[in-house]
Amino acid sequence: MKSNKSAIIALLLVQLFYGVTFTFANDVIDGGYIQPYGFILFRVSLAGILFWVFSAWTPSEKIEYNDFPKFIIAAFFGVALNMLAFFKGLQFTTPINGSVIMVTTPIIVLILSAIILREKITKIKIFGILVGLSGALILSVYNSSASEGDNILLGNFLVLINAASYSYYLILIKKITDKYHPYTFIKWLFLFGTLFVLPFGYRELSVVDWSSFTPYIWFSVLFVVVGATFATYLLNPLALRKLSATTVSTFLYIQPIFAGIFAIIMGSDTINVVKIIATLLIFLGVYLVTKSSTLQTPK
């Protein structure tokens, strides 16, 4: 158990970083400091630079030419599409909504695995899928926000696209990460990811008024880059070396707890009966789906 202590701490930090990021990113975007796509370009490009600098102290590996198309596709789904959808979704929804919907990732992974990998889905898992999706639907349709400009239905749908994109990415990289060191894969992932988001975020990033940033906004932006991107992508592989994928996947359920508590403390979101009911349904659905599953499920 002692040998796993560092891995458990790493996973707790990952979920904590992701959880509070919902509020930090939401405050930056809703405050009009950086538009969603500009924020993504800043996040991905700066994190990419950090990964390439960090790679100077990691094992050097040569990528086979035939594997580059796989890296490019993985970058599209694992960095570009999922992050663009996530930040755009946060522009219209709330931190608690977004974090709860992200918990549907294990359900989506199971569905895509059945379609792509031909894995069997038991009746209990089908029931879990229906229960989890019903919770997401309730959260999207019957919840509301007092913030001007919010569009909960659209925002939640975009966050769901983010979860689906990342789920597909997880399936794509199963063989890649077995072949190459995780840190080798990550630096190329963010290089190609930067190229994908550049056309979307360049204009929005170019018009940012950096002088208008308060100390809190600067901290929020840098935390998203360093904490929720660079650090999490480094910590996850370390945890996976010591713990099973099933154990790692259970830590995902802690993320909405961190996100909810922090959002309420910061005044960025509130809790109500609809959110509680929807959250319980999603957690129940995910539990039924992942009860005997061995798929890896990070954010």
C-alpha atoms as a PDB file:
ATOM      1  CA  MET A   1       0.000   0.000   0.000  1.00  0.00           C
ATOM      2  CA  LYS A   2       2.892   2.354   0.840  1.00  0.00           C
ATOM      3  CA  SER A   3       4.302   1.944  -2.661  1.00  0.00           C
ATOM      4  CA  ASN A   4       0.992   3.170  -4.073  1.00  0.00           C
ATOM      5  CA  LYS A   5       0.808   6.238  -1.851  1.00  0.00           C
ATOM      6  CA  SER A   6       2.518   8.509  -4.385  1.00  0.00           C
ATOM      7  CA  ALA A   7       0.202   7.282  -7.160  1.00  0.00           C
ATOM      8  CA  ILE A   8      -2.893   7.966  -5.051  1.00  0.00           C
ATOM      9  CA  ILE A   9      -1.641  11.458  -4.202  1.00  0.00           C
ATOM     10  CA  ALA A  10      -0.952  12.078  -7.901  1.00  0.00           C
ATOM     11  CA  LEU A  11      -4.504  11.066  -8.865  1.00  0.00           C
ATOM     12  CA  LEU A  12      -6.047  13.191  -6.132  1.00  0.00           C
ATOM     13  CA  LEU A  13      -4.062  16.177  -7.398  1.00  0.00           C
ATOM     14  CA  VAL A  14      -5.177  15.502 -10.986  1.00  0.00           C
ATOM     15  CA  GLN A  15      -8.857  15.491 -10.020  1.00  0.00           C
ATOM     16  CA  LEU A  16      -8.398  18.533  -7.780  1.00  0.00           C
ATOM     17  CA  PHE A  17      -6.714  20.465 -10.604  1.00  0.00           C
ATOM     18  CA  TYR A  18      -9.410  19.491 -13.102  1.00  0.00           C
ATOM     19  CA  GLY A  19     -12.183  20.206 -10.602  1.00  0.00           C
ATOM     20  CA  VAL A  20     -11.165  23.778  -9.763  1.00  0.00           C
ATOM     21  CA  THR A  21     -10.374  24.478 -13.424  1.00  0.00           C
ATOM     22  CA  PHE A  22     -14.107  24.552 -14.214  1.00  0.00           C
ATOM     23  CA  THR A  23     -14.451  27.666 -12.044  1.00  0.00           C
ATOM     24  CA  PHE A  24     -11.174  29.335 -13.080  1.00  0.00           C
ATOM     25  CA  ALA A  25     -11.845  28.869 -16.800  1.00  0.00           C
ATOM     26  CA  ASN A  26     -15.491  29.889 -16.414  1.00  0.00           C
ATOM     27  CA  ASP A  27     -14.547  33.124 -14.621  1.00  0.00           C
ATOM     28  CA  VAL A  28     -11.970  34.052 -17.285  1.00  0.00           C
ATOM     29  CA  ILE A  29     -14.334  33.364 -20.189  1.00  0.00           C
ATOM     30  CA  ASP A  30     -17.523  34.804 -18.639  1.00  0.00           C
ATOM     31  CA  GLY A  31     -15.555  37.876 -17.578  1.00  0.00           C
ATOM     32  CA  GLY A  32     -14.699  38.526 -21.223  1.00  0.00           C
ATOM     33  CA  TYR A  33     -10.943  38.509 -20.628  1.00  0.00           C
ATOM     34  CA  ILE A  34     -10.262  35.821 -23.239  1.00  0.00           C
ATOM     35  CA  GLN A  35     -12.731  34.260 -25.645  1.00  0.00           C
ATOM     36  CA  PRO A  36     -12.939  30.432 -25.538  1.00  0.00           C
ATOM     37  CA  TYR A  37     -10.938  29.615 -28.668  1.00  0.00           C
ATOM     38  CA  GLY A  38      -8.256  32.168 -27.844  1.00  0.00           C
ATOM     39  CA  PHE A  39      -7.945  30.654 -24.373  1.00  0.00           C
ATOM     40  CA  ILE A  40      -7.528  27.190 -25.898  1.00  0.00           C
ATOM     41  CA  LEU A  41      -4.760  28.361 -28.232  1.00  0.00           C
ATOM     42  CA  PHE A  42      -2.946  29.997 -25.328  1.00  0.00           C
ATOM     43  CA  ARG A  43      -3.387  26.882 -23.172  1.00  0.00           C
ATOM     44  CA  VAL A  44      -2.319  24.313 -25.757  1.00  0.00           C
ATOM     45  CA  SER A  45       0.603  26.249 -27.248  1.00  0.00           C
ATOM     46  CA  LEU A  46       2.115  27.261 -23.907  1.00  0.00           C
ATOM     47  CA  ALA A  47       1.644  23.771 -22.460  1.00  0.00           C
ATOM     48  CA  GLY A  48       3.215  22.363 -25.626  1.00  0.00           C
ATOM     49  CA  ILE A  49       6.294  24.517 -25.088  1.00  0.00           C
ATOM     50  CA  LEU A  50       6.538  23.272 -21.500  1.00  0.00           C
ATOM     51  CA  PHE A  51       6.274  19.632 -22.646  1.00  0.00           C
ATOM     52  CA  TRP A  52       9.034  20.050 -25.242  1.00  0.00           C
ATOM     53  CA  VAL A  53      11.302  21.749 -22.685  1.00  0.00           C
ATOM     54  CA  PHE A  54      10.537  18.989 -20.192  1.00  0.00           C
ATOM     55  CA  SER A  55      11.339  16.351 -22.827  1.00  0.00           C
ATOM     56  CA  ALA A  56      15.020  17.303 -22.541  1.00  0.00           C
ATOM     57  CA  TRP A  57      15.043  15.299 -19.288  1.00  0.00           C
ATOM     58  CA  THR A  58      12.968  12.336 -20.550  1.00  0.00           C
ATOM     59  CA  PRO A  59      13.916   9.284 -22.664  1.00  0.00           C
ATOM     60  CA  SER A  60      14.563  10.156 -26.314  1.00  0.00           C
ATOM     61  CA  GLU A  61      12.573   8.043 -28.764  1.00  0.00           C
ATOM     62  CA  LYS A  62      12.292   8.062 -32.540  1.00  0.00           C
ATOM     63  CA  ILE A  63       8.735   8.037 -33.879  1.00  0.00           C
ATOM     64  CA  GLU A  64       8.118   5.659 -36.771  1.00  0.00           C
ATOM     65  CA  TYR A  65       6.903   7.489 -39.877  1.00  0.00           C
ATOM     66  CA  ASN A  66       3.757   5.337 -40.160  1.00  0.00           C
ATOM     67  CA  ASP A  67       2.713   6.313 -36.626  1.00  0.00           C
ATOM     68  CA  PHE A  68       2.538  10.056 -37.274  1.00  0.00           C
ATOM     69  CA  PRO A  69      -0.995   9.866 -38.800  1.00  0.00           C
ATOM     70  CA  LYS A  70      -2.119   8.169 -35.559  1.00  0.00           C
ATOM     71  CA  PHE A  71      -0.561  10.977 -33.541  1.00  0.00           C
ATOM     72  CA  ILE A  72      -2.322  13.569 -35.699  1.00  0.00           C
ATOM     73  CA  ILE A  73      -5.744  11.925 -35.328  1.00  0.00           C
ATOM     74  CA  ALA A  74      -5.187  11.549 -31.584  1.00  0.00           C
ATOM     75  CA  ALA A  75      -4.274  15.253 -31.363  1.00  0.00           C
ATOM     76  CA  PHE A  76      -7.486  16.221 -33.148  1.00  0.00           C
ATOM     77  CA  PHE A  77      -9.759  14.289 -30.779  1.00  0.00           C
ATOM     78  CA  GLY A  78      -7.615  14.437 -27.628  1.00  0.00           C
ATOM     79  CA  VAL A  79      -6.614  18.106 -27.769  1.00  0.00           C
ATOM     80  CA  ALA A  80      -8.358  20.152 -30.472  1.00  0.00           C
ATOM     81  CA  LEU A  81     -11.989  19.024 -30.637  1.00  0.00           C
ATOM     82  CA  ASN A  82     -12.411  18.130 -26.984  1.00  0.00           C
ATOM     83  CA  MET A  83     -10.813  21.333 -25.649  1.00  0.00           C
ATOM     84  CA  LEU A  84     -12.551  23.630 -28.146  1.00  0.00           C
ATOM     85  CA  ALA A  85     -15.905  22.092 -27.265  1.00  0.00           C
ATOM     86  CA  PHE A  86     -15.153  22.162 -23.524  1.00  0.00           C
ATOM     87  CA  PHE A  87     -14.231  25.843 -23.290  1.00  0.00           C
ATOM     88  CA  LYS A  88     -16.999  26.929 -25.640  1.00  0.00           C
ATOM     89  CA  GLY A  89     -19.408  24.888 -23.529  1.00  0.00           C
ATOM     90  CA  LEU A  90     -18.231  26.606 -20.333  1.00  0.00           C
ATOM     91  CA  GLN A  91     -19.164  29.916 -21.955  1.00  0.00           C
ATOM     92  CA  PHE A  92     -22.816  28.845 -21.861  1.00  0.00           C
ATOM     93  CA  THR A  93     -23.118  26.470 -18.895  1.00  0.00           C
ATOM     94  CA  THR A  94     -21.983  26.394 -15.251  1.00  0.00           C
ATOM     95  CA  PRO A  95     -18.985  24.746 -13.534  1.00  0.00           C
ATOM     96  CA  ILE A  96     -21.084  22.149 -11.677  1.00  0.00           C
ATOM     97  CA  ASN A  97     -23.047  21.223 -14.816  1.00  0.00           C
ATOM     98  CA  GLY A  98     -19.857  20.796 -16.817  1.00  0.00           C
ATOM     99  CA  SER A  99     -18.066  18.694 -14.206  1.00  0.00           C
ATOM    100  CA  VAL A 100     -21.050  16.370 -13.716  1.00  0.00           C
ATOM    101  CA  ILE A 101     -21.503  15.791 -17.452  1.00  0.00           C
ATOM    102  CA  MET A 102     -17.809  14.918 -17.748  1.00  0.00           C
ATOM    103  CA  VAL A 103     -18.494  11.919 -15.498  1.00  0.00           C
ATOM    104  CA  THR A 104     -20.389  10.371 -18.432  1.00  0.00           C
ATOM    105  CA  THR A 105     -16.996   9.682 -20.044  1.00  0.00           C
ATOM    106  CA  PRO A 106     -16.899   6.036 -18.840  1.00  0.00           C
ATOM    107  CA  ILE A 107     -20.343   5.456 -20.372  1.00  0.00           C
ATOM    108  CA  ILE A 108     -19.254   6.912 -23.709  1.00  0.00           C
ATOM    109  CA  VAL A 109     -16.047   4.867 -23.651  1.00  0.00           C
ATOM    110  CA  LEU A 110     -18.109   1.710 -23.181  1.00  0.00           C
ATOM    111  CA  ILE A 111     -20.452   2.557 -26.076  1.00  0.00           C
ATOM    112  CA  LEU A 112     -17.573   3.374 -28.433  1.00  0.00           C
ATOM    113  CA  SER A 113     -15.694   0.243 -27.348  1.00  0.00           C
ATOM    114  CA  ALA A 114     -18.722  -1.863 -28.231  1.00  0.00           C
ATOM    115  CA  ILE A 115     -18.943  -0.234 -31.661  1.00  0.00           C
ATOM    116  CA  ILE A 116     -15.243  -0.021 -32.513  1.00  0.00           C
ATOM    117  CA  LEU A 117     -13.650  -2.840 -30.507  1.00  0.00           C
ATOM    118  CA  ARG A 118     -16.696  -5.143 -30.636  1.00  0.00           C
ATOM    119  CA  GLU A 119     -16.734  -5.525 -26.866  1.00  0.00           C
ATOM    120  CA  LYS A 120     -19.878  -7.024 -25.360  1.00  0.00           C
ATOM    121  CA  ILE A 121     -22.330  -4.886 -23.396  1.00  0.00           C
ATOM    122  CA  THR A 122     -24.284  -6.686 -20.680  1.00  0.00           C
ATOM    123  CA  LYS A 123     -27.877  -5.877 -19.770  1.00  0.00           C
ATOM    124  CA  ILE A 124     -26.763  -4.219 -16.545  1.00  0.00           C
ATOM    125  CA  LYS A 125     -24.436  -1.939 -18.506  1.00  0.00           C
ATOM    126  CA  ILE A 126     -27.211  -1.039 -20.961  1.00  0.00           C
ATOM    127  CA  PHE A 127     -29.365  -0.098 -17.973  1.00  0.00           C
ATOM    128  CA  GLY A 128     -26.484   1.942 -16.588  1.00  0.00           C
ATOM    129  CA  ILE A 129     -26.104   3.790 -19.890  1.00  0.00           C
ATOM    130  CA  LEU A 130     -29.793   4.706 -19.912  1.00  0.00           C
ATOM    131  CA  VAL A 131     -29.722   5.845 -16.269  1.00  0.00           C
ATOM    132  CA  GLY A 132     -26.597   7.951 -16.785  1.00  0.00           C
ATOM    133  CA  LEU A 133     -27.839   9.574 -19.963  1.00  0.00           C
ATOM    134  CA  SER A 134     -31.190  10.342 -18.307  1.00  0.00           C
ATOM    135  CA  GLY A 135     -29.290  12.252 -15.627  1.00  0.00           C
ATOM    136  CA  ALA A 136     -27.382  14.229 -18.261  1.00  0.00           C
ATOM    137  CA  LEU A 137     -30.641  14.978 -20.061  1.00  0.00           C
ATOM    138  CA  ILE A 138     -32.306  16.221 -16.865  1.00  0.00           C
ATOM    139  CA  LEU A 139     -29.305  18.419 -16.111  1.00  0.00           C
ATOM    140  CA  SER A 140     -29.441  19.917 -19.604  1.00  0.00           C
ATOM    141  CA  VAL A 141     -33.174  20.404 -20.090  1.00  0.00           C
ATOM    142  CA  TYR A 142     -34.550  21.227 -16.637  1.00  0.00           C
ATOM    143  CA  ASN A 143     -31.699  23.183 -15.127  1.00  0.00           C
ATOM    144  CA  SER A 144     -31.264  26.909 -15.545  1.00  0.00           C
ATOM    145  CA  SER A 145     -28.739  29.640 -14.862  1.00  0.00           C
ATOM    146  CA  ALA A 146     -29.177  33.161 -13.600  1.00  0.00           C
ATOM    147  CA  SER A 147     -26.156  34.420 -15.537  1.00  0.00           C
ATOM    148  CA  GLU A 148     -26.910  36.581 -18.543  1.00  0.00           C
ATOM    149  CA  GLY A 149     -25.850  34.960 -21.809  1.00  0.00           C
ATOM    150  CA  ASP A 150     -25.913  31.397 -20.497  1.00  0.00           C
ATOM    151  CA  ASN A 151     -27.471  28.721 -22.689  1.00  0.00           C
ATOM    152  CA  ILE A 152     -27.497  25.609 -20.508  1.00  0.00           C
ATOM    153  CA  LEU A 153     -28.745  23.212 -23.179  1.00  0.00           C
ATOM    154  CA  LEU A 154     -26.107  24.287 -25.729  1.00  0.00           C
ATOM    155  CA  GLY A 155     -23.342  24.488 -23.119  1.00  0.00           C
ATOM    156  CA  ASN A 156     -24.060  21.017 -21.724  1.00  0.00           C
ATOM    157  CA  PHE A 157     -24.239  19.578 -25.251  1.00  0.00           C
ATOM    158  CA  LEU A 158     -20.801  21.003 -26.065  1.00  0.00           C
ATOM    159  CA  VAL A 159     -19.344  19.586 -22.839  1.00  0.00           C
ATOM    160  CA  LEU A 160     -20.866  16.228 -23.826  1.00  0.00           C
ATOM    161  CA  ILE A 161     -19.133  16.533 -27.230  1.00  0.00           C
ATOM    162  CA  ASN A 162     -15.934  17.161 -25.284  1.00  0.00           C
ATOM    163  CA  ALA A 163     -16.469  13.966 -23.269  1.00  0.00           C
ATOM    164  CA  ALA A 164     -17.267  11.948 -26.407  1.00  0.00           C
ATOM    165  CA  SER A 165     -14.199  13.281 -28.219  1.00  0.00           C
ATOM    166  CA  TYR A 166     -11.913  12.453 -25.319  1.00  0.00           C
ATOM    167  CA  SER A 167     -13.481   9.009 -24.973  1.00  0.00           C
ATOM    168  CA  TYR A 168     -12.712   8.247 -28.605  1.00  0.00           C
ATOM    169  CA  TYR A 169      -9.192   9.558 -28.043  1.00  0.00           C
ATOM    170  CA  LEU A 170      -8.710   7.063 -25.196  1.00  0.00           C
ATOM    171  CA  ILE A 171      -9.548   4.187 -27.516  1.00  0.00           C
ATOM    172  CA  LEU A 172      -7.265   5.538 -30.256  1.00  0.00           C
ATOM    173  CA  ILE A 173      -4.185   5.767 -28.051  1.00  0.00           C
ATOM    174  CA  LYS A 174      -4.389   2.363 -26.354  1.00  0.00           C
ATOM    175  CA  LYS A 175      -1.768   0.862 -28.681  1.00  0.00           C
ATOM    176  CA  ILE A 176       0.245   4.068 -29.109  1.00  0.00           C
ATOM    177  CA  THR A 177       0.948   4.462 -25.394  1.00  0.00           C
ATOM    178  CA  ASP A 178       2.035   0.824 -25.191  1.00  0.00           C
ATOM    179  CA  LYS A 179       4.579   1.444 -27.929  1.00  0.00           C
ATOM    180  CA  TYR A 180       6.007   4.808 -26.858  1.00  0.00           C
ATOM    181  CA  HIS A 181       6.854   6.451 -23.554  1.00  0.00           C
ATOM    182  CA  PRO A 182       3.887   8.601 -22.411  1.00  0.00           C
ATOM    183  CA  TYR A 183       5.971  11.771 -22.310  1.00  0.00           C
ATOM    184  CA  THR A 184       7.176  11.209 -25.882  1.00  0.00           C
ATOM    185  CA  PHE A 185       3.588  10.875 -27.038  1.00  0.00           C
ATOM    186  CA  ILE A 186       2.380  13.932 -25.116  1.00  0.00           C
ATOM    187  CA  LYS A 187       4.858  16.409 -26.592  1.00  0.00           C
ATOM    188  CA  TRP A 188       3.910  15.411 -30.161  1.00  0.00           C
ATOM    189  CA  LEU A 189       0.246  15.392 -29.200  1.00  0.00           C
ATOM    190  CA  PHE A 190       0.397  19.033 -28.139  1.00  0.00           C
ATOM    191  CA  LEU A 191       2.504  20.079 -31.114  1.00  0.00           C
ATOM    192  CA  PHE A 192      -0.102  18.795 -33.565  1.00  0.00           C
ATOM    193  CA  GLY A 193      -2.883  20.017 -31.275  1.00  0.00           C
ATOM    194  CA  THR A 194      -1.499  23.557 -31.440  1.00  0.00           C
ATOM    195  CA  LEU A 195      -1.586  23.454 -35.242  1.00  0.00           C
ATOM    196  CA  PHE A 196      -5.225  22.318 -35.147  1.00  0.00           C
ATOM    197  CA  VAL A 197      -6.453  25.068 -32.794  1.00  0.00           C
ATOM    198  CA  LEU A 198      -4.358  27.866 -34.343  1.00  0.00           C
ATOM    199  CA  PRO A 199      -6.932  28.783 -37.061  1.00  0.00           C
ATOM    200  CA  PHE A 200      -9.730  28.910 -34.470  1.00  0.00           C
ATOM    201  CA  GLY A 201      -7.966  30.812 -31.713  1.00  0.00           C
ATOM    202  CA  TYR A 202      -5.540  33.157 -33.447  1.00  0.00           C
ATOM    203  CA  ARG A 203      -7.959  36.058 -33.966  1.00  0.00           C
ATOM    204  CA  GLU A 204      -9.440  35.813 -30.458  1.00  0.00           C
ATOM    205  CA  LEU A 205      -6.002  35.617 -28.839  1.00  0.00           C
ATOM    206  CA  SER A 206      -4.648  38.527 -30.891  1.00  0.00           C
ATOM    207  CA  VAL A 207      -7.269  40.955 -29.536  1.00  0.00           C
ATOM    208  CA  VAL A 208      -6.819  40.093 -25.843  1.00  0.00           C
ATOM    209  CA  ASP A 209      -6.222  43.145 -23.650  1.00  0.00           C
ATOM    210  CA  TRP A 210      -3.572  41.683 -21.348  1.00  0.00           C
ATOM    211  CA  SER A 211      -3.379  44.939 -19.336  1.00  0.00           C
ATOM    212  CA  SER A 212      -6.966  44.409 -18.150  1.00  0.00           C
ATOM    213  CA  PHE A 213      -6.063  41.187 -16.329  1.00  0.00           C
ATOM    214  CA  THR A 214      -6.397  41.311 -12.558  1.00  0.00           C
ATOM    215  CA  PRO A 215      -4.056  39.203 -10.366  1.00  0.00           C
ATOM    216  CA  TYR A 216      -6.870  36.662  -9.957  1.00  0.00           C
ATOM    217  CA  ILE A 217      -7.379  36.364 -13.727  1.00  0.00           C
ATOM    218  CA  TRP A 218      -3.640  35.945 -14.317  1.00  0.00           C
ATOM    219  CA  PHE A 219      -3.555  33.224 -11.676  1.00  0.00           C
ATOM    220  CA  SER A 220      -6.605  31.508 -13.220  1.00  0.00           C
ATOM    221  CA  VAL A 221      -5.135  31.527 -16.737  1.00  0.00           C
ATOM    222  CA  LEU A 222      -1.727  30.269 -15.635  1.00  0.00           C
ATOM    223  CA  PHE A 223      -3.293  27.623 -13.413  1.00  0.00           C
ATOM    224  CA  VAL A 224      -5.244  26.216 -16.361  1.00  0.00           C
ATOM    225  CA  VAL A 225      -2.018  25.984 -18.371  1.00  0.00           C
ATOM    226  CA  VAL A 226       0.420  24.783 -15.710  1.00  0.00           C
ATOM    227  CA  GLY A 227      -1.849  22.971 -13.270  1.00  0.00           C
ATOM    228  CA  ALA A 228      -4.737  21.592 -15.321  1.00  0.00           C
ATOM    229  CA  THR A 229      -2.720  20.827 -18.460  1.00  0.00           C
ATOM    230  CA  PHE A 230       1.018  20.435 -17.943  1.00  0.00           C
ATOM    231  CA  ALA A 231       0.907  18.916 -14.434  1.00  0.00           C
ATOM    232  CA  THR A 232      -2.061  16.608 -15.014  1.00  0.00           C
ATOM    233  CA  TYR A 233      -0.623  15.157 -18.213  1.00  0.00           C
ATOM    234  CA  LEU A 234       2.593  14.416 -16.303  1.00  0.00           C
ATOM    235  CA  LEU A 235       0.958  12.977 -13.174  1.00  0.00           C
ATOM    236  CA  ASN A 236      -1.502  10.601 -14.861  1.00  0.00           C
ATOM    237  CA  PRO A 237       1.160   8.354 -16.474  1.00  0.00           C
ATOM    238  CA  LEU A 238       3.008   8.136 -13.140  1.00  0.00           C
ATOM    239  CA  ALA A 239      -0.146   6.884 -11.417  1.00  0.00           C
ATOM    240  CA  LEU A 240      -0.889   4.362 -14.175  1.00  0.00           C
ATOM    241  CA  ARG A 241       2.481   2.700 -13.599  1.00  0.00           C
ATOM    242  CA  LYS A 242       1.522   1.670 -10.060  1.00  0.00           C
ATOM    243  CA  LEU A 243      -2.274   1.332 -10.126  1.00  0.00           C
ATOM    244  CA  SER A 244      -4.658  -0.590 -12.362  1.00  0.00           C
ATOM    245  CA  ALA A 245      -6.752   1.265 -14.938  1.00  0.00           C
ATOM    246  CA  THR A 246      -9.906   0.320 -13.034  1.00  0.00           C
ATOM    247  CA  THR A 247      -8.565   1.936  -9.859  1.00  0.00           C
ATOM    248  CA  VAL A 248      -7.518   5.042 -11.766  1.00  0.00           C
ATOM    249  CA  SER A 249     -10.976   5.349 -13.329  1.00  0.00           C
ATOM    250  CA  THR A 250     -12.686   5.501  -9.929  1.00  0.00           C
ATOM    251  CA  PHE A 251     -10.884   8.747  -9.119  1.00  0.00           C
ATOM    252  CA  LEU A 252     -12.830  10.479 -11.904  1.00  0.00           C
ATOM    253  CA  TYR A 253     -15.891  10.469  -9.637  1.00  0.00           C
ATOM    254  CA  ILE A 254     -14.126  12.791  -7.195  1.00  0.00           C
ATOM    255  CA  GLN A 255     -13.803  15.539  -9.813  1.00  0.00           C
ATOM    256  CA  PRO A 256     -17.397  16.876  -9.581  1.00  0.00           C
ATOM    257  CA  ILE A 257     -17.078  16.992  -5.788  1.00  0.00           C
ATOM    258  CA  PHE A 258     -13.991  19.204  -5.997  1.00  0.00           C
ATOM    259  CA  ALA A 259     -15.604  21.245  -8.787  1.00  0.00           C
ATOM    260  CA  GLY A 260     -18.883  21.713  -6.939  1.00  0.00           C
ATOM    261  CA  ILE A 261     -17.389  22.672  -3.581  1.00  0.00           C
ATOM    262  CA  PHE A 262     -14.930  25.109  -5.138  1.00  0.00           C
ATOM    263  CA  ALA A 263     -17.548  26.695  -7.446  1.00  0.00           C
ATOM    264  CA  ILE A 264     -19.933  27.261  -4.524  1.00  0.00           C
ATOM    265  CA  ILE A 265     -17.149  28.708  -2.331  1.00  0.00           C
ATOM    266  CA  MET A 266     -16.122  31.070  -5.143  1.00  0.00           C
ATOM    267  CA  GLY A 267     -19.741  32.046  -5.870  1.00  0.00           C
ATOM    268  CA  SER A 268     -19.524  30.809  -9.468  1.00  0.00           C
ATOM    269  CA  ASP A 269     -22.356  28.285  -9.126  1.00  0.00           C
ATOM    270  CA  THR A 270     -25.116  27.091  -6.820  1.00  0.00           C
ATOM    271  CA  ILE A 271     -26.624  23.752  -5.884  1.00  0.00           C
ATOM    272  CA  ASN A 272     -30.297  22.837  -6.292  1.00  0.00           C
ATOM    273  CA  VAL A 273     -32.595  19.803  -6.293  1.00  0.00           C
ATOM    274  CA  VAL A 274     -32.348  19.302 -10.078  1.00  0.00           C
ATOM    275  CA  LYS A 275     -28.557  19.161  -9.959  1.00  0.00           C
ATOM    276  CA  ILE A 276     -28.609  16.737  -7.027  1.00  0.00           C
ATOM    277  CA  ILE A 277     -31.056  14.345  -8.729  1.00  0.00           C
ATOM    278  CA  ALA A 278     -29.223  14.516 -12.082  1.00  0.00           C
ATOM    279  CA  THR A 279     -25.867  13.983 -10.382  1.00  0.00           C
ATOM    280  CA  LEU A 280     -27.108  10.907  -8.493  1.00  0.00           C
ATOM    281  CA  LEU A 281     -28.506   9.403 -11.713  1.00  0.00           C
ATOM    282  CA  ILE A 282     -25.243   9.986 -13.589  1.00  0.00           C
ATOM    283  CA  PHE A 283     -23.152   8.522 -10.763  1.00  0.00           C
ATOM    284  CA  LEU A 284     -25.451   5.488 -10.568  1.00  0.00           C
ATOM    285  CA  GLY A 285     -25.245   5.004 -14.330  1.00  0.00           C
ATOM    286  CA  VAL A 286     -21.464   5.267 -14.342  1.00  0.00           C
ATOM    287  CA  TYR A 287     -21.202   2.826 -11.423  1.00  0.00           C
ATOM    288  CA  LEU A 288     -23.304   0.237 -13.257  1.00  0.00           C
ATOM    289  CA  VAL A 289     -21.334   0.698 -16.477  1.00  0.00           C
ATOM    290  CA  THR A 290     -17.881   0.525 -14.903  1.00  0.00           C
ATOM    291  CA  LYS A 291     -18.640  -2.081 -12.229  1.00  0.00           C
ATOM    292  CA  SER A 292     -16.776  -4.836 -14.068  1.00  0.00           C
ATOM    293  CA  SER A 293     -15.067  -2.749 -16.752  1.00  0.00           C
ATOM    294  CA  THR A 294     -11.297  -2.537 -17.073  1.00  0.00           C
ATOM    295  CA  LEU A 295     -11.112   0.421 -19.459  1.00  0.00           C
ATOM    296  CA  GLN A 296      -9.019   3.408 -18.499  1.00  0.00           C
ATOM    297  CA  THR A 297     -11.016   6.584 -18.037  1.00  0.00           C
ATOM    298  CA  PRO A 298      -9.249   9.910 -17.265  1.00  0.00           C
ATOM    299  CA  LYS A 299     -10.596  13.454 -18.195  1.00  0.00           C
END
